[in-house]
Amino acid sequence: MDISYEEFKRLDLRTGKVVSVEDHPNADKLYLITVDLGTEQRKMVAGIKPWYQKEDLVGKNVIVLTNLAPKNIRGIESHGMILASLAGNQLAILTLDKDLPPGSPVS
């Protein structure tokens, strides 16, 4: 399904730096990830535990969808989404190839 450019522009994609990663208390495959977005830090729930160790995520510069409505995931409210790609049984989070300030817009 195609979307218009106007619909695409509604997405607020920004760079973020992973500050901390914790195990989700109510799920085996989920992490609680704190991301620095420049003007604020947000907690997000991400189902990437089978592919990433906590220590490998801290400090990574990631792409975040920031204007996604908050969602309660297994008792924890998630405030955004870290973008990733899944192919078969391999997952890769979208990262930057240069070190840009957290909160930089993605277009």
Foldseek 3Di string as FASTA:
>chain_A
DDDDVVVVVVWWKWKWAWAFWAPDPQDDQWIFTWTHQPVDIFTAIDRCRVPDDRVVRHGFIFIKRQPDPWDQDRNDTGGTDFAWDDDDHDIDTHGDPDDDDRNHTDD
